[in-house]
């Protein structure tokens, strides 16, 4: 199985209004599904895992999952890791991250499209 890891880098919530973090994955593989593991970390002080989300994206489709950042109280700095696992072509899988406020509106400073995600 092939694996890839994408990373947002450190994100600052203070004053941003971000309450939700959504990871979206598009899988353009014609016949192979993609397993997605998302880990959300608090960065204030020691890097601490706050939440893990797992979902599957079928062939030639897209899906996403979200984490409730507001549940973590004073956690003002965070980062997100997205691990992609597939038997298909990793170059056919695209990842993005979207921060949203309590009304569900996108917060532009917390939007990372595929080209902006760090591939580790």
PDB file of N, CA and C in Angstrom:
ATOM      1  N   UNK A   1       0.833  -1.192   0.000  1.00  0.00           N
ATOM      2  CA  UNK A   1       0.000   0.000   0.000  1.00  0.00           C
ATOM      3  C   UNK A   1       0.874   1.251   0.000  1.00  0.00           C
ATOM      4  N   UNK A   2       0.495   2.212  -0.785  1.00  0.00           N
ATOM      5  CA  UNK A   2       1.204   3.494  -0.824  1.00  0.00           C
ATOM      6  C   UNK A   2       0.622   4.422   0.235  1.00  0.00           C
ATOM      7  N   UNK A   3       1.497   5.261   0.808  1.00  0.00           N
ATOM      8  CA  UNK A   3       1.079   6.204   1.856  1.00  0.00           C
ATOM      9  C   UNK A   3       1.663   7.576   1.567  1.00  0.00           C
ATOM     10  N   UNK A   4       0.895   8.588   1.911  1.00  0.00           N
ATOM     11  CA  UNK A   4       1.337   9.965   1.802  1.00  0.00           C
ATOM     12  C   UNK A   4       0.843  10.718   3.027  1.00  0.00           C
ATOM     13  N   UNK A   5       1.584  11.750   3.436  1.00  0.00           N
ATOM     14  CA  UNK A   5       1.192  12.548   4.590  1.00  0.00           C
ATOM     15  C   UNK A   5       1.213  14.018   4.197  1.00  0.00           C
ATOM     16  N   UNK A   6       0.101  14.698   4.428  1.00  0.00           N
ATOM     17  CA  UNK A   6      -0.023  16.129   4.174  1.00  0.00           C
ATOM     18  C   UNK A   6      -0.197  16.847   5.503  1.00  0.00           C
ATOM     19  N   UNK A   7       0.274  18.087   5.557  1.00  0.00           N
ATOM     20  CA  UNK A   7       0.330  18.828   6.803  1.00  0.00           C
ATOM     21  C   UNK A   7      -0.024  20.284   6.535  1.00  0.00           C
ATOM     22  N   UNK A   8      -0.852  20.882   7.411  1.00  0.00           N
ATOM     23  CA  UNK A   8      -1.234  22.284   7.220  1.00  0.00           C
ATOM     24  C   UNK A   8      -0.141  23.247   7.645  1.00  0.00           C
ATOM     25  N   UNK A   9       0.731  22.808   8.552  1.00  0.00           N
ATOM     26  CA  UNK A   9       1.596  23.752   9.240  1.00  0.00           C
ATOM     27  C   UNK A   9       0.800  24.374  10.371  1.00  0.00           C
ATOM     28  N   UNK A  10       1.458  25.134  11.241  1.00  0.00           N
ATOM     29  CA  UNK A  10       0.758  25.711  12.385  1.00  0.00           C
ATOM     30  C   UNK A  10      -0.285  26.736  11.940  1.00  0.00           C
ATOM     31  N   UNK A  11      -1.449  26.686  12.582  1.00  0.00           N
ATOM     32  CA  UNK A  11      -2.557  27.601  12.294  1.00  0.00           C
ATOM     33  C   UNK A  11      -2.920  28.323  13.589  1.00  0.00           C
ATOM     34  N   UNK A  12      -3.263  29.592  13.485  1.00  0.00           N
ATOM     35  CA  UNK A  12      -3.636  30.421  14.638  1.00  0.00           C
ATOM     36  C   UNK A  12      -5.142  30.675  14.608  1.00  0.00           C
ATOM     37  N   UNK A  13      -5.854  30.275  15.673  1.00  0.00           N
ATOM     38  CA  UNK A  13      -7.301  30.488  15.757  1.00  0.00           C
ATOM     39  C   UNK A  13      -7.666  31.834  16.353  1.00  0.00           C
ATOM     40  N   UNK A  14      -6.805  32.428  17.156  1.00  0.00           N
ATOM     41  CA  UNK A  14      -7.140  33.663  17.878  1.00  0.00           C
ATOM     42  C   UNK A  14      -7.646  34.731  16.915  1.00  0.00           C
ATOM     43  N   UNK A  15      -8.839  35.239  17.172  1.00  0.00           N
ATOM     44  CA  UNK A  15      -9.408  36.314  16.361  1.00  0.00           C
ATOM     45  C   UNK A  15      -9.908  35.897  14.993  1.00  0.00           C
ATOM     46  N   UNK A  16      -9.779  34.619  14.631  1.00  0.00           N
ATOM     47  CA  UNK A  16     -10.168  34.183  13.288  1.00  0.00           C
ATOM     48  C   UNK A  16     -11.635  33.791  13.197  1.00  0.00           C
ATOM     49  N   UNK A  17     -12.229  33.402  14.310  1.00  0.00           N
ATOM     50  CA  UNK A  17     -13.613  32.923  14.295  1.00  0.00           C
ATOM     51  C   UNK A  17     -13.765  31.475  13.867  1.00  0.00           C
ATOM     52  N   UNK A  18     -12.651  30.770  13.641  1.00  0.00           N
ATOM     53  CA  UNK A  18     -12.727  29.375  13.185  1.00  0.00           C
ATOM     54  C   UNK A  18     -13.266  28.482  14.299  1.00  0.00           C
ATOM     55  N   UNK A  19     -14.339  27.755  13.978  1.00  0.00           N
ATOM     56  CA  UNK A  19     -14.959  26.817  14.914  1.00  0.00           C
ATOM     57  C   UNK A  19     -14.895  25.377  14.390  1.00  0.00           C
ATOM     58  N   UNK A  20     -14.849  25.221  13.080  1.00  0.00           N
ATOM     59  CA  UNK A  20     -14.843  23.903  12.431  1.00  0.00           C
ATOM     60  C   UNK A  20     -13.651  23.800  11.499  1.00  0.00           C
ATOM     61  N   UNK A  21     -13.034  22.622  11.445  1.00  0.00           N
ATOM     62  CA  UNK A  21     -11.995  22.342  10.473  1.00  0.00           C
ATOM     63  C   UNK A  21     -12.440  21.182   9.598  1.00  0.00           C
ATOM     64  N   UNK A  22     -12.448  21.364   8.306  1.00  0.00           N
ATOM     65  CA  UNK A  22     -12.933  20.342   7.381  1.00  0.00           C
ATOM     66  C   UNK A  22     -11.808  19.931   6.440  1.00  0.00           C
ATOM     67  N   UNK A  23     -11.569  18.628   6.344  1.00  0.00           N
ATOM     68  CA  UNK A  23     -10.620  18.069   5.381  1.00  0.00           C
ATOM     69  C   UNK A  23     -11.432  17.467   4.250  1.00  0.00           C
ATOM     70  N   UNK A  24     -11.094  17.856   3.021  1.00  0.00           N
ATOM     71  CA  UNK A  24     -11.754  17.290   1.838  1.00  0.00           C
ATOM     72  C   UNK A  24     -10.715  16.529   1.028  1.00  0.00           C
ATOM     73  N   UNK A  25     -11.126  15.375   0.506  1.00  0.00           N
ATOM     74  CA  UNK A  25     -10.240  14.534  -0.291  1.00  0.00           C
ATOM     75  C   UNK A  25     -10.967  14.146  -1.568  1.00  0.00           C
ATOM     76  N   UNK A  26     -10.273  14.345  -2.695  1.00  0.00           N
ATOM     77  CA  UNK A  26     -10.787  13.927  -3.992  1.00  0.00           C
ATOM     78  C   UNK A  26      -9.914  12.788  -4.488  1.00  0.00           C
ATOM     79  N   UNK A  27     -10.544  11.684  -4.844  1.00  0.00           N
ATOM     80  CA  UNK A  27      -9.845  10.487  -5.314  1.00  0.00           C
ATOM     81  C   UNK A  27     -10.184  10.262  -6.781  1.00  0.00           C
ATOM     82  N   UNK A  28      -9.221  10.515  -7.671  1.00  0.00           N
ATOM     83  CA  UNK A  28      -9.451  10.335  -9.107  1.00  0.00           C
ATOM     84  C   UNK A  28      -9.009   8.963  -9.607  1.00  0.00           C
ATOM     85  N   UNK A  29      -8.598   8.065  -8.695  1.00  0.00           N
ATOM     86  CA  UNK A  29      -8.296   6.686  -9.092  1.00  0.00           C
ATOM     87  C   UNK A  29      -9.569   6.044  -9.625  1.00  0.00           C
ATOM     88  N   UNK A  30      -9.452   5.342 -10.724  1.00  0.00           N
ATOM     89  CA  UNK A  30     -10.621   4.736 -11.375  1.00  0.00           C
ATOM     90  C   UNK A  30     -11.165   3.510 -10.637  1.00  0.00           C
ATOM     91  N   UNK A  31     -10.287   2.773  -9.924  1.00  0.00           N
ATOM     92  CA  UNK A  31     -10.750   1.509  -9.326  1.00  0.00           C
ATOM     93  C   UNK A  31     -10.351   1.306  -7.867  1.00  0.00           C
ATOM     94  N   UNK A  32      -9.525   2.182  -7.296  1.00  0.00           N
ATOM     95  CA  UNK A  32      -9.034   1.987  -5.923  1.00  0.00           C
ATOM     96  C   UNK A  32      -9.601   3.033  -4.972  1.00  0.00           C
ATOM     97  N   UNK A  33     -10.038   2.576  -3.795  1.00  0.00           N
ATOM     98  CA  UNK A  33     -10.472   3.480  -2.734  1.00  0.00           C
ATOM     99  C   UNK A  33      -9.261   4.067  -2.018  1.00  0.00           C
ATOM    100  N   UNK A  34      -9.509   5.085  -1.238  1.00  0.00           N
ATOM    101  CA  UNK A  34      -8.473   5.748  -0.452  1.00  0.00           C
ATOM    102  C   UNK A  34      -8.934   5.766   1.007  1.00  0.00           C
ATOM    103  N   UNK A  35      -8.060   5.319   1.903  1.00  0.00           N
ATOM    104  CA  UNK A  35      -8.313   5.466   3.331  1.00  0.00           C
ATOM    105  C   UNK A  35      -7.699   6.789   3.764  1.00  0.00           C
ATOM    106  N   UNK A  36      -8.437   7.541   4.584  1.00  0.00           N
ATOM    107  CA  UNK A  36      -7.970   8.844   5.046  1.00  0.00           C
ATOM    108  C   UNK A  36      -7.957   8.837   6.574  1.00  0.00           C
ATOM    109  N   UNK A  37      -6.837   9.250   7.137  1.00  0.00           N
ATOM    110  CA  UNK A  37      -6.709   9.400   8.590  1.00  0.00           C
ATOM    111  C   UNK A  37      -6.295  10.833   8.869  1.00  0.00           C
ATOM    112  N   UNK A  38      -7.127  11.546   9.596  1.00  0.00           N
ATOM    113  CA  UNK A  38      -6.885  12.947   9.915  1.00  0.00           C
ATOM    114  C   UNK A  38      -6.593  13.049  11.408  1.00  0.00           C
ATOM    115  N   UNK A  39      -5.514  13.754  11.746  1.00  0.00           N
ATOM    116  CA  UNK A  39      -5.185  13.986  13.156  1.00  0.00           C
ATOM    117  C   UNK A  39      -5.066  15.486  13.388  1.00  0.00           C
ATOM    118  N   UNK A  40      -5.760  15.964  14.413  1.00  0.00           N
ATOM    119  CA  UNK A  40      -5.762  17.367  14.797  1.00  0.00           C
ATOM    120  C   UNK A  40      -4.941  17.516  16.076  1.00  0.00           C
ATOM    121  N   UNK A  41      -4.002  18.459  16.077  1.00  0.00           N
ATOM    122  CA  UNK A  41      -3.106  18.668  17.217  1.00  0.00           C
ATOM    123  C   UNK A  41      -3.225  20.079  17.771  1.00  0.00           C
ATOM    124  N   UNK A  42      -3.143  20.193  19.088  1.00  0.00           N
ATOM    125  CA  UNK A  42      -3.007  21.475  19.774  1.00  0.00           C
ATOM    126  C   UNK A  42      -1.525  21.813  19.838  1.00  0.00           C
ATOM    127  N   UNK A  43      -1.178  23.079  19.611  1.00  0.00           N
ATOM    128  CA  UNK A  43       0.226  23.484  19.618  1.00  0.00           C
ATOM    129  C   UNK A  43       0.591  24.410  20.761  1.00  0.00           C
ATOM    130  N   UNK A  44      -0.366  24.860  21.555  1.00  0.00           N
ATOM    131  CA  UNK A  44      -0.048  25.737  22.683  1.00  0.00           C
ATOM    132  C   UNK A  44       0.764  24.931  23.687  1.00  0.00           C
ATOM    133  N   UNK A  45       2.071  25.158  23.754  1.00  0.00           N
ATOM    134  CA  UNK A  45       2.932  24.345  24.626  1.00  0.00           C
ATOM    135  C   UNK A  45       3.291  23.058  23.910  1.00  0.00           C
ATOM    136  N   UNK A  46       3.151  21.934  24.569  1.00  0.00           N
ATOM    137  CA  UNK A  46       3.470  20.636  23.995  1.00  0.00           C
ATOM    138  C   UNK A  46       2.451  20.254  22.925  1.00  0.00           C
ATOM    139  N   UNK A  47       2.919  19.736  21.793  1.00  0.00           N
ATOM    140  CA  UNK A  47       2.032  19.280  20.714  1.00  0.00           C
ATOM    141  C   UNK A  47       1.240  18.081  21.219  1.00  0.00           C
ATOM    142  N   UNK A  48      -0.088  18.226  21.279  1.00  0.00           N
ATOM    143  CA  UNK A  48      -0.966  17.219  21.858  1.00  0.00           C
ATOM    144  C   UNK A  48      -2.061  16.865  20.863  1.00  0.00           C
ATOM    145  N   UNK A  49      -2.249  15.562  20.600  1.00  0.00           N
ATOM    146  CA  UNK A  49      -3.327  15.148  19.689  1.00  0.00           C
ATOM    147  C   UNK A  49      -4.667  15.371  20.367  1.00  0.00           C
ATOM    148  N   UNK A  50      -5.574  16.057  19.656  1.00  0.00           N
ATOM    149  CA  UNK A  50      -6.895  16.355  20.181  1.00  0.00           C
ATOM    150  C   UNK A  50      -7.971  15.460  19.602  1.00  0.00           C
ATOM    151  N   UNK A  51      -7.813  15.077  18.342  1.00  0.00           N
ATOM    152  CA  UNK A  51      -8.865  14.324  17.680  1.00  0.00           C
ATOM    153  C   UNK A  51      -8.285  13.541  16.512  1.00  0.00           C
ATOM    154  N   UNK A  52      -8.893  12.387  16.233  1.00  0.00           N
ATOM    155  CA  UNK A  52      -8.554  11.583  15.065  1.00  0.00           C
ATOM    156  C   UNK A  52      -9.837  11.271  14.314  1.00  0.00           C
ATOM    157  N   UNK A  53      -9.829  11.478  13.011  1.00  0.00           N
ATOM    158  CA  UNK A  53     -10.972  11.182  12.150  1.00  0.00           C
ATOM    159  C   UNK A  53     -10.521  10.196  11.080  1.00  0.00           C
ATOM    160  N   UNK A  54     -11.347   9.209  10.775  1.00  0.00           N
ATOM    161  CA  UNK A  54     -11.045   8.228   9.732  1.00  0.00           C
ATOM    162  C   UNK A  54     -12.231   8.140   8.783  1.00  0.00           C
ATOM    163  N   UNK A  55     -11.950   8.129   7.483  1.00  0.00           N
ATOM    164  CA  UNK A  55     -13.007   7.902   6.510  1.00  0.00           C
ATOM    165  C   UNK A  55     -12.414   7.342   5.230  1.00  0.00           C
ATOM    166  N   UNK A  56     -13.267   6.810   4.374  1.00  0.00           N
ATOM    167  CA  UNK A  56     -12.849   6.212   3.109  1.00  0.00           C
ATOM    168  C   UNK A  56     -13.472   6.994   1.962  1.00  0.00           C
ATOM    169  N   UNK A  57     -12.679   7.186   0.910  1.00  0.00           N
ATOM    170  CA  UNK A  57     -13.165   7.852  -0.300  1.00  0.00           C
ATOM    171  C   UNK A  57     -13.103   6.823  -1.423  1.00  0.00           C
ATOM    172  N   UNK A  58     -14.229   6.546  -2.017  1.00  0.00           N
ATOM    173  CA  UNK A  58     -14.308   5.556  -3.080  1.00  0.00           C
ATOM    174  C   UNK A  58     -13.640   6.017  -4.361  1.00  0.00           C
ATOM    175  N   UNK A  59     -13.507   5.089  -5.316  1.00  0.00           N
ATOM    176  CA  UNK A  59     -12.905   5.432  -6.605  1.00  0.00           C
ATOM    177  C   UNK A  59     -13.688   6.552  -7.301  1.00  0.00           C
ATOM    178  N   UNK A  60     -12.951   7.464  -7.912  1.00  0.00           N
ATOM    179  CA  UNK A  60     -13.536   8.541  -8.711  1.00  0.00           C
ATOM    180  C   UNK A  60     -14.617   9.313  -7.955  1.00  0.00           C
ATOM    181  N   UNK A  61     -14.318   9.663  -6.698  1.00  0.00           N
ATOM    182  CA  UNK A  61     -15.281  10.407  -5.900  1.00  0.00           C
ATOM    183  C   UNK A  61     -14.550  11.308  -4.907  1.00  0.00           C
ATOM    184  N   UNK A  62     -15.325  12.048  -4.116  1.00  0.00           N
ATOM    185  CA  UNK A  62     -14.741  12.910  -3.095  1.00  0.00           C
ATOM    186  C   UNK A  62     -15.559  12.801  -1.817  1.00  0.00           C
ATOM    187  N   UNK A  63     -14.929  13.160  -0.718  1.00  0.00           N
ATOM    188  CA  UNK A  63     -15.594  13.121   0.578  1.00  0.00           C
ATOM    189  C   UNK A  63     -14.818  14.012   1.531  1.00  0.00           C
ATOM    190  N   UNK A  64     -15.401  14.270   2.688  1.00  0.00           N
ATOM    191  CA  UNK A  64     -14.724  15.072   3.689  1.00  0.00           C
ATOM    192  C   UNK A  64     -15.236  14.756   5.070  1.00  0.00           C
ATOM    193  N   UNK A  65     -14.513  15.238   6.062  1.00  0.00           N
ATOM    194  CA  UNK A  65     -14.921  15.082   7.454  1.00  0.00           C
ATOM    195  C   UNK A  65     -14.464  16.317   8.198  1.00  0.00           C
ATOM    196  N   UNK A  66     -15.090  16.569   9.344  1.00  0.00           N
ATOM    197  CA  UNK A  66     -14.772  17.789  10.067  1.00  0.00           C
ATOM    198  C   UNK A  66     -14.490  17.514  11.526  1.00  0.00           C
ATOM    199  N   UNK A  67     -13.746  18.425  12.111  1.00  0.00           N
ATOM    200  CA  UNK A  67     -13.472  18.404  13.542  1.00  0.00           C
ATOM    201  C   UNK A  67     -13.994  19.690  14.159  1.00  0.00           C
ATOM    202  N   UNK A  68     -14.568  19.578  15.335  1.00  0.00           N
ATOM    203  CA  UNK A  68     -15.108  20.728  16.058  1.00  0.00           C
ATOM    204  C   UNK A  68     -13.992  21.403  16.842  1.00  0.00           C
ATOM    205  N   UNK A  69     -13.342  22.382  16.273  1.00  0.00           N
ATOM    206  CA  UNK A  69     -12.243  23.063  16.948  1.00  0.00           C
ATOM    207  C   UNK A  69     -12.713  23.803  18.189  1.00  0.00           C
ATOM    208  N   UNK A  70     -13.970  24.238  18.205  1.00  0.00           N
ATOM    209  CA  UNK A  70     -14.485  24.983  19.348  1.00  0.00           C
ATOM    210  C   UNK A  70     -14.557  24.112  20.604  1.00  0.00           C
ATOM    211  N   UNK A  71     -14.560  22.786  20.455  1.00  0.00           N
ATOM    212  CA  UNK A  71     -14.612  21.880  21.613  1.00  0.00           C
ATOM    213  C   UNK A  71     -13.333  21.926  22.429  1.00  0.00           C
ATOM    214  N   UNK A  72     -12.284  22.515  21.899  1.00  0.00           N
ATOM    215  CA  UNK A  72     -10.984  22.457  22.549  1.00  0.00           C
ATOM    216  C   UNK A  72     -10.660  23.725  23.314  1.00  0.00           C
ATOM    217  N   UNK A  73     -11.678  24.535  23.587  1.00  0.00           N
ATOM    218  CA  UNK A  73     -11.524  25.683  24.468  1.00  0.00           C
ATOM    219  C   UNK A  73     -10.437  26.640  24.030  1.00  0.00           C
ATOM    220  N   UNK A  74      -9.445  26.798  24.888  1.00  0.00           N
ATOM    221  CA  UNK A  74      -8.406  27.809  24.678  1.00  0.00           C
ATOM    222  C   UNK A  74      -7.306  27.370  23.720  1.00  0.00           C
ATOM    223  N   UNK A  75      -7.482  26.269  23.015  1.00  0.00           N
ATOM    224  CA  UNK A  75      -6.470  25.816  22.053  1.00  0.00           C
ATOM    225  C   UNK A  75      -6.458  26.769  20.865  1.00  0.00           C
ATOM    226  N   UNK A  76      -5.590  27.757  20.918  1.00  0.00           N
ATOM    227  CA  UNK A  76      -5.586  28.791  19.892  1.00  0.00           C
ATOM    228  C   UNK A  76      -4.673  28.467  18.727  1.00  0.00           C
ATOM    229  N   UNK A  77      -3.678  27.621  18.941  1.00  0.00           N
ATOM    230  CA  UNK A  77      -2.795  27.201  17.857  1.00  0.00           C
ATOM    231  C   UNK A  77      -3.011  25.715  17.614  1.00  0.00           C
ATOM    232  N   UNK A  78      -3.069  25.345  16.332  1.00  0.00           N
ATOM    233  CA  UNK A  78      -3.301  23.941  15.992  1.00  0.00           C
ATOM    234  C   UNK A  78      -2.659  23.621  14.655  1.00  0.00           C
ATOM    235  N   UNK A  79      -2.544  22.328  14.367  1.00  0.00           N
ATOM    236  CA  UNK A  79      -2.173  21.880  13.030  1.00  0.00           C
ATOM    237  C   UNK A  79      -2.939  20.610  12.714  1.00  0.00           C
ATOM    238  N   UNK A  80      -2.963  20.272  11.431  1.00  0.00           N
ATOM    239  CA  UNK A  80      -3.725  19.123  10.955  1.00  0.00           C
ATOM    240  C   UNK A  80      -2.822  18.274  10.068  1.00  0.00           C
ATOM    241  N   UNK A  81      -2.830  16.962  10.314  1.00  0.00           N
ATOM    242  CA  UNK A  81      -2.133  15.994   9.458  1.00  0.00           C
ATOM    243  C   UNK A  81      -3.175  15.146   8.743  1.00  0.00           C
ATOM    244  N   UNK A  82      -2.957  14.881   7.460  1.00  0.00           N
ATOM    245  CA  UNK A  82      -3.856  14.040   6.673  1.00  0.00           C
ATOM    246  C   UNK A  82      -3.026  12.931   6.044  1.00  0.00           C
ATOM    247  N   UNK A  83      -3.263  11.685   6.460  1.00  0.00           N
ATOM    248  CA  UNK A  83      -2.554  10.541   5.886  1.00  0.00           C
ATOM    249  C   UNK A  83      -3.467   9.873   4.861  1.00  0.00           C
ATOM    250  N   UNK A  84      -2.916   9.645   3.672  1.00  0.00           N
ATOM    251  CA  UNK A  84      -3.620   8.988   2.573  1.00  0.00           C
ATOM    252  C   UNK A  84      -3.014   7.600   2.397  1.00  0.00           C
ATOM    253  N   UNK A  85      -3.873   6.573   2.346  1.00  0.00           N
ATOM    254  CA  UNK A  85      -3.410   5.197   2.167  1.00  0.00           C
ATOM    255  C   UNK A  85      -4.217   4.582   1.020  1.00  0.00           C
ATOM    256  N   UNK A  86      -3.507   4.048   0.021  1.00  0.00           N
ATOM    257  CA  UNK A  86      -4.194   3.479  -1.137  1.00  0.00           C
ATOM    258  C   UNK A  86      -3.304   2.473  -1.863  1.00  0.00           C
ATOM    259  N   UNK A  87      -3.941   1.566  -2.590  1.00  0.00           N
ATOM    260  CA  UNK A  87      -3.222   0.699  -3.521  1.00  0.00           C
ATOM    261  C   UNK A  87      -3.124   1.367  -4.885  1.00  0.00           C
ATOM    262  N   UNK A  88      -3.838   2.489  -5.049  1.00  0.00           N
ATOM    263  CA  UNK A  88      -3.843   3.208  -6.316  1.00  0.00           C
ATOM    264  C   UNK A  88      -2.715   4.225  -6.396  1.00  0.00           C
ATOM    265  N   UNK A  89      -2.830   5.092  -7.370  1.00  0.00           N
ATOM    266  CA  UNK A  89      -1.834   6.127  -7.646  1.00  0.00           C
ATOM    267  C   UNK A  89      -2.023   7.311  -6.710  1.00  0.00           C
ATOM    268  N   UNK A  90      -1.022   7.579  -5.870  1.00  0.00           N
ATOM    269  CA  UNK A  90      -1.106   8.713  -4.942  1.00  0.00           C
ATOM    270  C   UNK A  90      -1.195  10.047  -5.663  1.00  0.00           C
ATOM    271  N   UNK A  91      -0.691  10.115  -6.880  1.00  0.00           N
ATOM    272  CA  UNK A  91      -0.746  11.356  -7.648  1.00  0.00           C
ATOM    273  C   UNK A  91      -2.143  11.662  -8.164  1.00  0.00           C
ATOM    274  N   UNK A  92      -3.091  10.753  -7.912  1.00  0.00           N
ATOM    275  CA  UNK A  92      -4.482  10.960  -8.316  1.00  0.00           C
ATOM    276  C   UNK A  92      -5.372  11.307  -7.122  1.00  0.00           C
ATOM    277  N   UNK A  93      -4.746  11.654  -5.996  1.00  0.00           N
ATOM    278  CA  UNK A  93      -5.487  11.997  -4.776  1.00  0.00           C
ATOM    279  C   UNK A  93      -5.134  13.435  -4.384  1.00  0.00           C
ATOM    280  N   UNK A  94      -6.158  14.243  -4.110  1.00  0.00           N
ATOM    281  CA  UNK A  94      -5.976  15.649  -3.803  1.00  0.00           C
ATOM    282  C   UNK A  94      -6.636  15.975  -2.465  1.00  0.00           C
ATOM    283  N   UNK A  95      -5.952  16.802  -1.667  1.00  0.00           N
ATOM    284  CA  UNK A  95      -6.376  17.110  -0.298  1.00  0.00           C
ATOM    285  C   UNK A  95      -6.496  18.619  -0.132  1.00  0.00           C
ATOM    286  N   UNK A  96      -7.511  19.068   0.611  1.00  0.00           N
ATOM    287  CA  UNK A  96      -7.612  20.474   0.992  1.00  0.00           C
ATOM    288  C   UNK A  96      -8.140  20.568   2.421  1.00  0.00           C
ATOM    289  N   UNK A  97      -7.930  21.726   3.032  1.00  0.00           N
ATOM    290  CA  UNK A  97      -8.395  21.979   4.399  1.00  0.00           C
ATOM    291  C   UNK A  97      -9.157  23.301   4.408  1.00  0.00           C
ATOM    292  N   UNK A  98     -10.290  23.321   5.132  1.00  0.00           N
ATOM    293  CA  UNK A  98     -11.148  24.497   5.170  1.00  0.00           C
ATOM    294  C   UNK A  98     -11.551  24.793   6.605  1.00  0.00           C
ATOM    295  N   UNK A  99     -11.242  25.996   7.092  1.00  0.00           N
ATOM    296  CA  UNK A  99     -11.738  26.446   8.388  1.00  0.00           C
ATOM    297  C   UNK A  99     -13.050  27.184   8.187  1.00  0.00           C
ATOM    298  N   UNK A 100     -14.026  26.908   9.056  1.00  0.00           N
ATOM    299  CA  UNK A 100     -15.327  27.577   8.965  1.00  0.00           C
ATOM    300  C   UNK A 100     -15.690  28.185  10.312  1.00  0.00           C
ATOM    301  N   UNK A 101     -16.484  29.260  10.260  1.00  0.00           N
ATOM    302  CA  UNK A 101     -16.939  29.893  11.493  1.00  0.00           C
ATOM    303  C   UNK A 101     -18.222  29.213  11.973  1.00  0.00           C
ATOM    304  N   UNK A 102     -18.802  29.713  13.058  1.00  0.00           N
ATOM    305  CA  UNK A 102     -19.978  29.072  13.659  1.00  0.00           C
ATOM    306  C   UNK A 102     -21.206  29.124  12.747  1.00  0.00           C
ATOM    307  N   UNK A 103     -21.209  30.019  11.744  1.00  0.00           N
ATOM    308  CA  UNK A 103     -22.310  30.092  10.774  1.00  0.00           C
ATOM    309  C   UNK A 103     -22.093  29.166   9.582  1.00  0.00           C
ATOM    310  N   UNK A 104     -20.930  28.495   9.542  1.00  0.00           N
ATOM    311  CA  UNK A 104     -20.620  27.610   8.425  1.00  0.00           C
ATOM    312  C   UNK A 104     -19.952  28.321   7.261  1.00  0.00           C
ATOM    313  N   UNK A 105     -19.599  29.592   7.443  1.00  0.00           N
ATOM    314  CA  UNK A 105     -18.924  30.345   6.390  1.00  0.00           C
ATOM    315  C   UNK A 105     -17.421  30.057   6.412  1.00  0.00           C
ATOM    316  N   UNK A 106     -16.821  29.959   5.246  1.00  0.00           N
ATOM    317  CA  UNK A 106     -15.379  29.712   5.131  1.00  0.00           C
ATOM    318  C   UNK A 106     -14.606  30.916   5.637  1.00  0.00           C
ATOM    319  N   UNK A 107     -13.567  30.650   6.432  1.00  0.00           N
ATOM    320  CA  UNK A 107     -12.650  31.699   6.903  1.00  0.00           C
ATOM    321  C   UNK A 107     -11.451  31.661   5.958  1.00  0.00           C
ATOM    322  N   UNK A 108     -11.322  32.654   5.064  1.00  0.00           N
ATOM    323  CA  UNK A 108     -10.293  32.605   4.015  1.00  0.00           C
ATOM    324  C   UNK A 108      -8.869  32.362   4.508  1.00  0.00           C
ATOM    325  N   UNK A 109      -8.505  32.892   5.663  1.00  0.00           N
ATOM    326  CA  UNK A 109      -7.136  32.705   6.154  1.00  0.00           C
ATOM    327  C   UNK A 109      -6.888  31.276   6.637  1.00  0.00           C
ATOM    328  N   UNK A 110      -7.944  30.463   6.727  1.00  0.00           N
ATOM    329  CA  UNK A 110      -7.826  29.064   7.159  1.00  0.00           C
ATOM    330  C   UNK A 110      -8.262  28.120   6.035  1.00  0.00           C
ATOM    331  N   UNK A 111      -7.978  28.511   4.811  1.00  0.00           N
ATOM    332  CA  UNK A 111      -8.274  27.693   3.640  1.00  0.00           C
ATOM    333  C   UNK A 111      -6.950  27.318   2.999  1.00  0.00           C
ATOM    334  N   UNK A 112      -6.696  26.034   2.897  1.00  0.00           N
ATOM    335  CA  UNK A 112      -5.479  25.559   2.240  1.00  0.00           C
ATOM    336  C   UNK A 112      -5.876  24.608   1.124  1.00  0.00           C
ATOM    337  N   UNK A 113      -5.628  25.009  -0.118  1.00  0.00           N
ATOM    338  CA  UNK A 113      -5.883  24.125  -1.245  1.00  0.00           C
ATOM    339  C   UNK A 113      -4.683  23.194  -1.407  1.00  0.00           C
ATOM    340  N   UNK A 114      -4.808  22.234  -2.289  1.00  0.00           N
ATOM    341  CA  UNK A 114      -3.808  21.178  -2.442  1.00  0.00           C
ATOM    342  C   UNK A 114      -2.386  21.704  -2.565  1.00  0.00           C
ATOM    343  N   UNK A 115      -2.181  22.722  -3.386  1.00  0.00           N
ATOM    344  CA  UNK A 115      -0.842  23.257  -3.613  1.00  0.00           C
ATOM    345  C   UNK A 115      -0.247  23.902  -2.367  1.00  0.00           C
ATOM    346  N   UNK A 116      -1.089  24.268  -1.398  1.00  0.00           N
ATOM    347  CA  UNK A 116      -0.611  24.923  -0.185  1.00  0.00           C
ATOM    348  C   UNK A 116      -0.346  23.950   0.960  1.00  0.00           C
ATOM    349  N   UNK A 117      -0.796  22.714   0.815  1.00  0.00           N
ATOM    350  CA  UNK A 117      -0.543  21.706   1.858  1.00  0.00           C
ATOM    351  C   UNK A 117       0.897  21.235   1.733  1.00  0.00           C
ATOM    352  N   UNK A 118       1.551  20.993   2.868  1.00  0.00           N
ATOM    353  CA  UNK A 118       2.916  20.481   2.869  1.00  0.00           C
ATOM    354  C   UNK A 118       2.875  18.966   2.763  1.00  0.00           C
ATOM    355  N   UNK A 119       3.603  18.405   1.811  1.00  0.00           N
ATOM    356  CA  UNK A 119       3.665  16.960   1.632  1.00  0.00           C
ATOM    357  C   UNK A 119       4.923  16.462   2.353  1.00  0.00           C
ATOM    358  N   UNK A 120       4.745  15.649   3.376  1.00  0.00           N
ATOM    359  CA  UNK A 120       5.874  15.152   4.169  1.00  0.00           C
ATOM    360  C   UNK A 120       6.257  13.739   3.763  1.00  0.00           C
TER     361      UNK A 120
END
